[in-house]
N, C-alpha and C. Protein backbone atom coordinates (compact mmCIF):
# COMPACT_ATOMS: atom_id res chain seq x y z
N MET A 1 146.18 -182.70 -41.08
CA MET A 1 146.38 -181.34 -40.86
C MET A 1 147.60 -180.76 -40.31
N ASP A 2 147.74 -179.74 -40.83
CA ASP A 2 148.97 -178.91 -40.83
C ASP A 2 148.78 -178.24 -39.20
N LEU A 3 149.66 -178.26 -38.24
CA LEU A 3 148.98 -177.66 -36.92
C LEU A 3 149.68 -176.58 -36.99
N ALA A 4 151.12 -176.32 -37.88
CA ALA A 4 151.74 -174.93 -37.80
C ALA A 4 151.02 -173.77 -38.52
N ARG A 5 150.01 -174.29 -39.56
CA ARG A 5 148.99 -172.85 -40.03
C ARG A 5 147.66 -172.76 -38.98
N LEU A 6 147.63 -173.52 -38.17
CA LEU A 6 146.48 -172.96 -37.01
C LEU A 6 146.80 -171.97 -36.25
N THR A 7 145.89 -170.76 -35.78
CA THR A 7 146.37 -169.74 -35.21
C THR A 7 145.95 -170.12 -33.75
N ALA A 8 146.64 -169.94 -32.93
CA ALA A 8 146.22 -169.90 -31.38
C ALA A 8 145.34 -169.19 -31.36
N VAL A 9 144.18 -169.38 -30.46
CA VAL A 9 143.17 -168.32 -29.92
C VAL A 9 143.05 -168.68 -28.47
N TYR A 10 143.11 -167.94 -27.56
CA TYR A 10 142.93 -167.82 -26.44
C TYR A 10 142.46 -166.90 -25.74
N THR A 11 141.53 -166.70 -24.77
CA THR A 11 141.23 -165.70 -23.86
C THR A 11 141.83 -165.63 -22.41
N GLU A 12 142.29 -164.24 -22.20
CA GLU A 12 142.74 -163.88 -20.95
C GLU A 12 141.68 -164.01 -19.71
N ARG A 13 141.87 -164.35 -18.99
CA ARG A 13 140.71 -164.54 -17.66
C ARG A 13 141.41 -163.36 -17.06
N SER A 14 140.50 -162.16 -16.87
CA SER A 14 140.73 -161.11 -16.22
C SER A 14 140.22 -161.17 -14.80
N ALA A 15 140.90 -160.28 -13.87
CA ALA A 15 140.21 -160.38 -12.55
C ALA A 15 138.85 -160.07 -12.25
N THR A 16 138.30 -160.82 -11.52
CA THR A 16 136.69 -160.23 -11.33
C THR A 16 136.83 -158.66 -10.87
N LEU A 17 135.95 -158.19 -11.25
CA LEU A 17 135.84 -156.48 -10.78
C LEU A 17 135.11 -156.97 -9.41
N VAL A 18 135.33 -156.14 -8.41
CA VAL A 18 134.94 -155.78 -7.21
C VAL A 18 134.31 -154.86 -6.69
N ILE A 19 132.76 -154.40 -6.57
CA ILE A 19 131.91 -153.48 -6.32
C ILE A 19 131.62 -153.44 -4.94
N VAL A 20 132.07 -152.28 -3.88
CA VAL A 20 131.72 -152.04 -2.55
C VAL A 20 130.79 -151.38 -2.43
N GLY A 21 129.75 -151.24 -1.48
CA GLY A 21 128.91 -150.72 -0.94
C GLY A 21 128.90 -150.36 0.35
N ALA A 22 128.82 -149.39 0.80
CA ALA A 22 128.66 -149.34 2.32
C ALA A 22 127.21 -148.89 3.04
N ALA A 23 126.73 -149.76 3.73
CA ALA A 23 125.47 -149.97 4.79
C ALA A 23 125.96 -149.19 5.85
N ILE A 24 125.66 -147.37 5.56
CA ILE A 24 126.27 -146.67 6.65
C ILE A 24 124.66 -146.55 7.74
N ILE A 25 125.22 -146.93 9.09
CA ILE A 25 124.28 -147.34 10.26
C ILE A 25 124.45 -146.01 11.17
N ASP A 26 123.14 -145.37 11.09
CA ASP A 26 123.36 -144.16 12.32
C ASP A 26 122.05 -144.18 13.12
N GLU A 27 122.49 -144.49 14.44
CA GLU A 27 121.03 -144.54 15.63
C GLU A 27 120.29 -145.58 14.95
N GLY A 28 120.53 -146.49 14.79
CA GLY A 28 119.49 -147.74 14.22
C GLY A 28 119.21 -147.38 13.12
N ARG A 29 119.55 -146.78 12.04
CA ARG A 29 118.95 -146.52 10.68
C ARG A 29 119.88 -146.66 9.69
N VAL A 30 119.78 -146.88 8.13
CA VAL A 30 120.73 -147.24 7.36
C VAL A 30 120.51 -146.05 6.18
N LEU A 31 121.62 -145.74 5.87
CA LEU A 31 121.49 -144.46 4.67
C LEU A 31 121.08 -145.18 3.67
N ALA A 32 120.25 -144.92 2.67
CA ALA A 32 119.58 -145.58 1.30
C ALA A 32 119.91 -143.94 0.14
N CYS A 33 120.40 -144.68 -0.88
CA CYS A 33 120.41 -143.05 -2.05
C CYS A 33 119.41 -143.55 -3.14
N GLU A 34 119.08 -142.71 -3.57
CA GLU A 34 118.07 -142.84 -4.66
C GLU A 34 118.87 -142.52 -5.93
N ARG A 35 119.22 -143.40 -7.23
CA ARG A 35 119.97 -143.65 -8.11
C ARG A 35 119.03 -142.09 -9.32
N SER A 36 120.28 -141.58 -9.57
CA SER A 36 119.80 -140.36 -10.46
C SER A 36 120.07 -140.72 -12.04
N GLU A 37 120.81 -141.76 -12.08
CA GLU A 37 121.25 -142.09 -13.58
C GLU A 37 121.64 -143.65 -13.49
N PRO A 38 121.74 -144.27 -14.70
CA PRO A 38 121.47 -144.15 -15.77
C PRO A 38 119.94 -144.27 -15.81
N PRO A 39 119.18 -144.14 -16.94
CA PRO A 39 117.74 -143.86 -16.99
C PRO A 39 117.42 -145.27 -16.18
N GLU A 40 117.63 -146.53 -16.84
CA GLU A 40 117.08 -147.93 -16.46
C GLU A 40 117.14 -148.08 -14.69
N THR A 41 117.73 -147.40 -14.21
CA THR A 41 117.72 -147.45 -12.96
C THR A 41 117.74 -146.24 -12.08
N ALA A 42 117.53 -145.28 -12.45
CA ALA A 42 117.07 -143.62 -11.90
C ALA A 42 116.10 -144.34 -11.16
N GLY A 43 115.53 -143.83 -10.17
CA GLY A 43 114.68 -143.90 -9.09
C GLY A 43 114.61 -145.07 -7.99
N ARG A 44 115.36 -146.19 -8.45
CA ARG A 44 115.87 -147.11 -7.61
C ARG A 44 116.83 -146.92 -6.62
N TRP A 45 116.85 -147.69 -5.68
CA TRP A 45 117.92 -147.08 -4.56
C TRP A 45 118.81 -148.15 -4.16
N GLU A 46 119.75 -147.70 -3.38
CA GLU A 46 120.93 -148.55 -3.36
C GLU A 46 121.78 -148.08 -2.11
N PHE A 47 123.00 -148.97 -1.94
CA PHE A 47 124.08 -148.44 -1.04
C PHE A 47 125.25 -147.21 -1.58
N PRO A 48 125.49 -146.17 -1.25
CA PRO A 48 126.70 -145.68 -1.57
C PRO A 48 127.55 -146.67 -1.90
N GLY A 49 128.57 -146.55 -2.98
CA GLY A 49 129.98 -147.21 -3.14
C GLY A 49 130.13 -147.05 -4.74
N GLY A 50 130.90 -148.07 -5.17
CA GLY A 50 131.88 -148.38 -6.16
C GLY A 50 132.69 -148.85 -6.49
N LYS A 51 133.45 -149.04 -7.60
CA LYS A 51 134.41 -149.88 -7.83
C LYS A 51 135.88 -149.66 -6.92
N VAL A 52 136.32 -151.22 -6.52
CA VAL A 52 137.65 -151.02 -6.44
C VAL A 52 138.67 -150.55 -7.54
N GLU A 53 139.47 -149.72 -7.31
CA GLU A 53 140.45 -149.33 -8.32
C GLU A 53 141.74 -150.13 -8.22
N SER A 54 142.64 -149.93 -9.11
CA SER A 54 143.92 -150.59 -9.16
C SER A 54 144.74 -150.26 -7.98
N GLY A 55 145.33 -150.92 -7.24
CA GLY A 55 146.25 -150.55 -6.18
C GLY A 55 145.40 -150.46 -4.58
N GLU A 56 144.14 -150.26 -4.72
CA GLU A 56 143.47 -150.14 -3.28
C GLU A 56 142.83 -151.10 -2.93
N ASP A 57 142.68 -151.06 -1.37
CA ASP A 57 141.82 -152.42 -0.81
C ASP A 57 140.49 -151.87 -0.92
N GLU A 58 139.65 -153.02 -0.46
CA GLU A 58 137.96 -152.48 -0.31
C GLU A 58 137.68 -151.58 0.40
N ALA A 59 138.38 -151.40 1.70
CA ALA A 59 137.99 -150.34 2.82
C ALA A 59 138.83 -149.06 1.90
N THR A 60 139.61 -149.10 1.40
CA THR A 60 140.11 -147.66 1.14
C THR A 60 138.96 -147.28 0.05
N ALA A 61 138.84 -148.11 -0.96
CA ALA A 61 137.85 -147.56 -1.95
C ALA A 61 136.51 -147.61 -1.55
N LEU A 62 136.05 -147.88 -0.44
CA LEU A 62 134.50 -147.62 -0.17
C LEU A 62 135.03 -146.18 0.89
N ALA A 63 135.94 -145.94 1.33
CA ALA A 63 135.95 -144.70 1.90
C ALA A 63 136.19 -143.56 1.17
N ARG A 64 136.75 -143.99 -0.20
CA ARG A 64 136.96 -142.82 -0.95
C ARG A 64 135.59 -142.70 -2.23
N GLU A 65 134.54 -143.62 -2.29
CA GLU A 65 133.56 -143.65 -2.90
C GLU A 65 132.50 -142.80 -1.98
N CYS A 66 132.41 -143.48 -0.52
CA CYS A 66 131.96 -142.54 0.27
C CYS A 66 131.99 -140.74 0.21
N PHE A 67 133.38 -140.68 0.33
CA PHE A 67 133.73 -139.16 0.47
C PHE A 67 133.25 -138.41 -1.18
N GLU A 68 133.35 -139.47 -2.12
CA GLU A 68 133.20 -138.58 -3.88
C GLU A 68 131.51 -138.51 -3.80
N GLU A 69 130.79 -139.42 -3.11
CA GLU A 69 129.40 -139.68 -3.42
C GLU A 69 128.39 -139.06 -2.64
N LEU A 70 129.03 -138.57 -0.99
CA LEU A 70 128.62 -137.98 0.23
C LEU A 70 129.16 -137.10 0.56
N GLY A 71 130.37 -136.62 0.52
CA GLY A 71 131.33 -135.90 1.17
C GLY A 71 131.31 -136.22 2.74
N VAL A 72 131.47 -137.63 3.01
CA VAL A 72 131.70 -138.27 4.35
C VAL A 72 132.74 -139.04 4.75
N GLN A 73 133.01 -138.80 5.55
CA GLN A 73 134.28 -140.02 6.06
C GLN A 73 133.66 -141.22 6.86
N VAL A 74 134.12 -142.06 6.58
CA VAL A 74 133.20 -143.35 7.36
C VAL A 74 134.75 -144.13 7.85
N MET A 75 133.96 -145.06 9.00
CA MET A 75 134.98 -145.79 9.41
C MET A 75 134.31 -147.08 8.86
N VAL A 76 135.04 -148.27 8.10
CA VAL A 76 134.75 -149.13 7.56
C VAL A 76 134.60 -150.30 8.28
N ASN A 77 133.54 -151.27 8.84
CA ASN A 77 133.80 -152.44 9.85
C ASN A 77 133.18 -153.57 9.29
N HIS A 78 132.46 -154.53 9.29
CA HIS A 78 132.41 -155.68 9.07
C HIS A 78 131.57 -155.96 7.67
N ARG A 79 131.73 -156.70 7.20
CA ARG A 79 131.25 -157.71 6.03
C ARG A 79 129.47 -157.71 6.22
N VAL A 80 128.87 -157.30 5.41
CA VAL A 80 127.19 -157.36 5.66
C VAL A 80 126.76 -158.69 4.69
N GLY A 81 126.47 -159.59 4.74
CA GLY A 81 125.76 -160.31 4.09
C GLY A 81 127.02 -161.09 2.77
N ASP A 82 126.74 -162.46 2.17
CA ASP A 82 127.38 -162.38 1.33
C ASP A 82 127.90 -161.86 -0.18
N ASP A 83 129.30 -162.14 -0.89
CA ASP A 83 129.03 -161.69 -2.12
C ASP A 83 127.87 -161.74 -2.90
N ILE A 84 127.89 -161.13 -3.34
CA ILE A 84 126.36 -161.15 -4.27
C ILE A 84 127.25 -160.79 -6.07
N PRO A 85 126.79 -161.71 -6.95
CA PRO A 85 127.66 -161.81 -8.32
C PRO A 85 126.50 -160.46 -9.13
N LEU A 86 127.48 -160.31 -9.86
CA LEU A 86 127.05 -159.43 -10.96
C LEU A 86 127.65 -159.47 -12.18
N GLY A 87 126.52 -158.94 -13.10
CA GLY A 87 127.33 -159.10 -14.94
C GLY A 87 127.58 -160.12 -15.21
N ASN A 88 126.56 -161.20 -14.78
CA ASN A 88 127.02 -162.66 -15.11
C ASN A 88 128.36 -163.36 -14.79
N GLY A 89 128.45 -162.46 -13.58
CA GLY A 89 129.89 -163.39 -13.05
C GLY A 89 130.74 -162.56 -13.00
N ARG A 90 130.92 -161.46 -13.33
CA ARG A 90 131.95 -160.80 -14.53
C ARG A 90 132.11 -159.81 -12.77
N ALA A 91 131.54 -159.34 -12.36
CA ALA A 91 131.84 -158.71 -10.93
C ALA A 91 131.07 -159.22 -9.67
N LEU A 92 131.70 -158.70 -8.67
CA LEU A 92 131.05 -158.95 -7.33
C LEU A 92 130.85 -157.70 -6.30
N LEU A 93 129.57 -157.84 -5.78
CA LEU A 93 129.10 -157.00 -4.73
C LEU A 93 129.59 -157.33 -3.43
N ARG A 94 130.57 -156.40 -2.61
CA ARG A 94 130.69 -156.73 -1.13
C ARG A 94 130.16 -155.57 -0.61
N VAL A 95 129.46 -155.69 0.37
CA VAL A 95 128.62 -154.65 0.98
C VAL A 95 129.09 -154.62 2.58
N TYR A 96 130.04 -153.55 3.18
CA TYR A 96 130.51 -153.45 4.52
C TYR A 96 129.38 -152.60 5.37
N SER A 97 129.32 -152.48 6.40
CA SER A 97 128.89 -151.83 7.38
C SER A 97 129.76 -150.18 7.93
N ALA A 98 129.14 -149.53 7.79
CA ALA A 98 130.34 -148.27 8.27
C ALA A 98 129.76 -147.15 8.80
N LYS A 99 130.05 -146.44 9.57
CA LYS A 99 130.13 -145.28 10.48
C LYS A 99 130.56 -144.20 9.93
N LEU A 100 129.39 -143.02 10.01
CA LEU A 100 130.24 -141.79 9.78
C LEU A 100 131.09 -141.14 11.13
N LEU A 101 132.20 -140.34 10.54
CA LEU A 101 132.93 -139.81 11.25
C LEU A 101 132.83 -138.19 11.24
N ASN A 102 133.14 -137.61 12.49
CA ASN A 102 133.75 -136.54 12.63
C ASN A 102 132.52 -135.76 12.64
N GLY A 103 131.04 -136.24 12.88
CA GLY A 103 129.79 -135.83 12.90
C GLY A 103 129.49 -134.97 11.57
N ASP A 104 129.82 -135.97 10.69
CA ASP A 104 129.69 -135.60 9.23
C ASP A 104 128.47 -135.75 8.90
N ARG A 105 127.58 -135.35 7.62
CA ARG A 105 126.31 -135.51 7.56
C ARG A 105 126.28 -135.94 6.05
N PRO A 106 126.04 -136.55 5.66
CA PRO A 106 125.82 -137.11 3.86
C PRO A 106 125.05 -136.03 3.07
N LYS A 107 125.54 -135.57 2.07
CA LYS A 107 125.26 -134.72 1.26
C LYS A 107 124.62 -135.89 -0.18
N ALA A 108 123.70 -135.39 -1.18
CA ALA A 108 123.57 -136.04 -2.07
C ALA A 108 124.21 -135.42 -3.20
N LEU A 109 125.65 -135.55 -3.10
CA LEU A 109 126.21 -135.36 -4.39
C LEU A 109 125.86 -135.89 -5.45
N GLU A 110 125.78 -137.05 -6.04
CA GLU A 110 125.49 -137.98 -6.92
C GLU A 110 124.17 -138.70 -6.92
N HIS A 111 123.34 -138.26 -6.03
CA HIS A 111 122.16 -139.26 -5.92
C HIS A 111 120.93 -138.25 -5.92
N ALA A 112 119.93 -138.55 -6.42
CA ALA A 112 118.69 -137.79 -6.28
C ALA A 112 118.38 -137.79 -4.88
N GLU A 113 118.28 -138.19 -4.08
CA GLU A 113 117.76 -138.45 -2.88
C GLU A 113 118.69 -139.30 -1.79
N LEU A 114 118.54 -138.81 -0.67
CA LEU A 114 118.90 -140.07 0.46
C LEU A 114 118.10 -139.65 1.48
N ARG A 115 117.79 -141.13 1.99
CA ARG A 115 117.02 -141.41 3.05
C ARG A 115 117.54 -142.18 4.27
N TRP A 116 117.23 -141.97 5.31
CA TRP A 116 117.31 -142.63 6.57
C TRP A 116 116.66 -143.68 6.77
N LEU A 117 116.69 -145.26 6.92
CA LEU A 117 115.59 -146.07 7.16
C LEU A 117 115.69 -146.79 8.03
N SER A 118 114.53 -146.91 9.17
CA SER A 118 114.47 -147.96 10.09
C SER A 118 114.28 -149.42 9.67
N ILE A 119 114.30 -150.32 10.84
CA ILE A 119 113.63 -151.42 10.30
C ILE A 119 112.29 -151.37 9.40
N ASP A 120 112.00 -150.65 10.45
CA ASP A 120 110.44 -150.80 9.29
C ASP A 120 110.02 -150.26 8.35
N GLU A 121 111.25 -149.40 7.89
CA GLU A 121 111.00 -148.47 6.91
C GLU A 121 111.97 -149.21 5.64
N LEU A 122 112.79 -150.62 5.47
CA LEU A 122 113.62 -150.88 4.95
C LEU A 122 112.93 -151.29 3.41
N HIS A 123 111.58 -151.68 3.67
CA HIS A 123 111.05 -152.03 2.30
C HIS A 123 110.11 -151.12 1.76
N SER A 124 110.35 -149.69 2.03
CA SER A 124 109.36 -148.67 1.90
C SER A 124 110.18 -147.88 0.41
N VAL A 125 110.99 -148.49 0.17
CA VAL A 125 111.75 -147.69 -1.08
C VAL A 125 112.10 -148.91 -2.03
N ASP A 126 112.01 -148.82 -3.64
CA ASP A 126 112.31 -149.48 -4.36
C ASP A 126 113.62 -149.93 -4.75
N TRP A 127 114.49 -151.01 -3.68
CA TRP A 127 115.85 -151.46 -3.98
C TRP A 127 116.38 -152.20 -5.17
N LEU A 128 117.43 -151.93 -5.73
CA LEU A 128 118.14 -152.25 -6.75
C LEU A 128 118.17 -153.93 -6.38
N PRO A 129 117.79 -155.00 -7.31
CA PRO A 129 117.68 -156.25 -6.98
C PRO A 129 119.23 -156.68 -6.39
N ALA A 130 120.47 -156.44 -6.92
CA ALA A 130 121.72 -156.94 -6.08
C ALA A 130 121.42 -156.41 -4.59
N ASP A 131 120.85 -155.21 -4.16
CA ASP A 131 120.84 -154.66 -2.94
C ASP A 131 119.76 -155.68 -1.96
N ALA A 132 119.17 -156.42 -2.65
CA ALA A 132 118.02 -157.15 -1.51
C ALA A 132 118.31 -157.99 -0.67
N PRO A 133 119.81 -159.08 -0.80
CA PRO A 133 120.14 -159.81 0.10
C PRO A 133 120.41 -159.19 1.09
N ILE A 134 121.03 -157.75 0.84
CA ILE A 134 121.98 -157.07 2.08
C ILE A 134 120.61 -156.31 2.85
N VAL A 135 119.56 -156.00 2.25
CA VAL A 135 118.55 -155.27 3.12
C VAL A 135 118.01 -156.52 3.79
N ALA A 136 118.01 -157.54 3.61
CA ALA A 136 117.33 -158.93 4.48
C ALA A 136 118.41 -158.96 5.53
N ALA A 137 119.68 -158.77 5.51
CA ALA A 137 120.89 -158.93 6.34
C ALA A 137 121.07 -158.10 7.40
N LEU A 138 120.02 -156.61 7.31
CA LEU A 138 120.44 -155.31 7.94
C LEU A 138 119.93 -155.31 9.30
N PRO A 139 118.66 -156.07 9.23
CA PRO A 139 117.39 -156.05 10.64
C PRO A 139 118.86 -156.69 12.41
N PRO A 140 119.28 -157.14 12.25
CA PRO A 140 120.35 -157.64 13.19
C PRO A 140 121.16 -156.41 13.32
N LEU A 141 121.83 -155.88 12.56
CA LEU A 141 122.69 -154.68 12.70
C LEU A 141 121.79 -153.25 13.29
N LEU A 142 120.64 -152.90 12.66
CA LEU A 142 120.10 -151.76 13.10
C LEU A 142 119.26 -151.89 14.37
N ASP A 143 118.85 -153.13 14.78
CA ASP A 143 118.51 -153.13 16.34
C ASP A 143 119.52 -153.70 17.51
N GLY A 144 120.92 -153.67 17.02
CA GLY A 144 121.72 -153.74 17.98
C GLY A 144 122.14 -155.24 18.39
N ARG A 145 121.71 -156.32 17.39
CA ARG A 145 121.87 -157.55 17.86
C ARG A 145 123.28 -157.81 17.53
N LEU A 146 123.38 -157.57 16.43
CA LEU A 146 125.06 -157.87 15.56
C LEU A 146 125.84 -156.47 16.05
N ALA A 147 126.95 -156.86 16.58
CA ALA A 147 127.73 -155.33 16.55
C ALA A 147 129.14 -156.16 16.81
N GLY A 148 130.36 -155.26 16.85
CA GLY A 148 131.17 -155.41 16.62
C GLY A 148 132.23 -155.47 15.29
N GLY A 149 133.23 -156.85 15.19
CA GLY A 149 133.65 -156.72 13.45
C GLY A 149 135.17 -155.84 13.71
N SER A 150 135.83 -155.94 13.21
CA SER A 150 136.78 -154.91 13.02
C SER A 150 136.63 -153.98 12.50
N GLN A 151 137.28 -152.93 12.48
CA GLN A 151 137.10 -151.55 12.72
C GLN A 151 138.18 -150.87 11.88
N ARG A 152 138.13 -150.08 10.81
CA ARG A 152 139.43 -149.24 9.76
C ARG A 152 138.68 -148.01 9.81
N ILE A 153 139.56 -147.11 10.12
CA ILE A 153 139.47 -145.73 9.85
C ILE A 153 140.39 -145.16 8.69
N ILE A 154 139.83 -145.08 7.32
CA ILE A 154 140.31 -144.34 6.28
C ILE A 154 140.11 -143.31 6.04
N GLU A 155 140.90 -142.68 5.72
CA GLU A 155 141.02 -141.07 5.17
C GLU A 155 140.97 -140.80 3.89
N PRO A 156 140.05 -140.38 3.10
CA PRO A 156 140.15 -140.24 1.86
C PRO A 156 141.23 -139.48 1.31
């Protein structure tokens, strides 16, 4: 076999895409957002958030996404739940608890509807499958059993 004629084939391993989500908690309730698109997920519910862009840390990305999607500033707190693999392992969802700042009230700028859900209402909406483990981790945050963690105020 003439190795000089073989063409090297390789695949570059790219960094895992990180998607951040915000479990915005206010007065014992969490904000749920109804997707308006794409059609295959429209009508399902999620936490606000999006991709971490190059040069951003996760808290900065989450603050930017909350401002873009909801028109609010947030204080990003501690992680909620574990990493959730997405897209056959090509991406990870990481959700953080967050608190509204400056009396801001969320607006549905990119979603069909917003709802504040209490512990008893958590399962009243049709969550996207990736968000289900986060929903399961919320009761201690909503009833005050779990508090604290690091806090960062990020300006969008």
